[in-house]
Amino acid sequence: MTLEDAITELSQRITTICPEAVLRIARASEEEASIRVYAPAGVETAIKAATHEDTIDLLTSEGLDVQVLVYDIATSLPPTEA
């Protein structure tokens, strides 16, 4: 699996849980990225639960380090896309 595949898969999982979530993706290298999720506080636990095992599996079996960081959109506004 490529980093792009992993980002796409995790992003789809997140937007299935919370279609109104705003995602910002930062790629650090060909093996590392972070997905910043800005969503209502009520879905934070569901997003973390849905992505936690996948991110660990990606790291241990594929060597891809993809972090999913969830922020409350009411208190942390997402940065504009570059």
Protein backbone atom coordinates (compact mmCIF):
# COMPACT_ATOMS: atom_id res chain seq x y z
CA MET A 1 0.00 0.00 0.00
CA THR A 2 1.23 3.48 -0.79
CA LEU A 3 1.00 6.51 1.46
CA GLU A 4 -1.63 7.99 -0.89
CA ASP A 5 -3.72 4.81 -0.64
CA ALA A 6 -3.52 4.94 3.16
CA ILE A 7 -4.53 8.61 3.26
CA THR A 8 -7.46 7.95 0.93
CA GLU A 9 -8.67 4.96 2.92
CA LEU A 10 -8.47 6.76 6.27
CA SER A 11 -10.06 9.92 4.85
CA GLN A 12 -13.00 7.93 3.50
CA ARG A 13 -13.47 6.22 6.85
CA ILE A 14 -13.46 9.61 8.62
CA THR A 15 -15.91 11.26 6.23
CA THR A 16 -18.25 8.27 6.49
CA ILE A 17 -18.45 8.90 10.24
CA CYS A 18 -18.65 12.68 9.90
CA PRO A 19 -19.41 13.99 6.40
CA GLU A 20 -19.02 17.60 7.56
CA ALA A 21 -15.49 17.03 8.88
CA VAL A 22 -12.78 19.25 7.42
CA LEU A 23 -9.56 17.38 6.67
CA ARG A 24 -6.10 18.87 6.28
CA ILE A 25 -3.33 16.54 5.16
CA ALA A 26 0.37 17.18 5.64
CA ARG A 27 2.92 14.88 4.05
CA ALA A 28 6.28 14.79 5.80
CA SER A 29 7.92 12.20 3.55
CA GLU A 30 7.04 9.24 1.34
CA GLU A 31 6.27 7.22 4.48
CA GLU A 32 4.86 9.83 6.88
CA ALA A 33 1.78 12.03 6.94
CA SER A 34 -0.72 13.52 9.31
CA ILE A 35 -4.43 13.92 8.82
CA ARG A 36 -5.84 16.78 10.87
CA VAL A 37 -9.56 16.35 11.35
CA TYR A 38 -11.71 19.31 12.36
CA ALA A 39 -15.10 17.98 13.45
CA PRO A 40 -17.75 18.43 16.13
CA ALA A 41 -16.58 17.29 19.57
CA GLY A 42 -19.29 14.64 19.72
CA VAL A 43 -17.67 12.52 16.98
CA GLU A 44 -14.07 12.70 18.20
CA THR A 45 -14.23 9.34 19.99
CA ALA A 46 -15.86 7.61 17.00
CA ILE A 47 -13.21 8.93 14.60
CA LYS A 48 -10.37 7.88 16.88
CA ALA A 49 -11.91 4.42 17.37
CA ALA A 50 -12.40 3.94 13.63
CA THR A 51 -8.83 4.89 12.70
CA HIS A 52 -6.66 3.80 15.64
CA GLU A 53 -6.14 0.14 14.70
CA ASP A 54 -5.66 0.98 11.02
CA THR A 55 -2.90 3.48 11.77
CA ILE A 56 -1.09 0.93 13.95
CA ASP A 57 -1.44 -1.74 11.24
CA LEU A 58 -0.10 0.67 8.61
CA LEU A 59 2.94 1.37 10.75
CA THR A 60 3.72 -2.22 11.69
CA SER A 61 2.91 -3.98 8.42
CA GLU A 62 3.47 -1.33 5.75
CA GLY A 63 6.03 0.98 7.37
CA LEU A 64 3.70 3.96 6.90
CA ASP A 65 3.32 6.44 9.74
CA VAL A 66 -0.05 8.18 9.31
CA GLN A 67 -1.23 10.13 12.32
CA VAL A 68 -4.88 11.09 12.72
CA LEU A 69 -5.28 14.18 14.92
CA VAL A 70 -8.82 15.24 15.82
CA TYR A 71 -9.73 18.80 16.79
CA ASP A 72 -13.04 20.32 17.88
CA ILE A 73 -14.09 22.53 15.00
CA ALA A 74 -15.95 24.82 17.41
CA THR A 75 -12.74 25.81 19.19
CA SER A 76 -10.02 25.11 16.60
CA LEU A 77 -10.69 26.47 13.16
CA PRO A 78 -9.00 24.62 10.31
CA PRO A 79 -6.30 26.47 8.44
CA THR A 80 -7.05 27.38 4.87
CA GLU A 81 -5.74 24.97 2.28
CA ALA A 82 -2.41 25.89 0.74
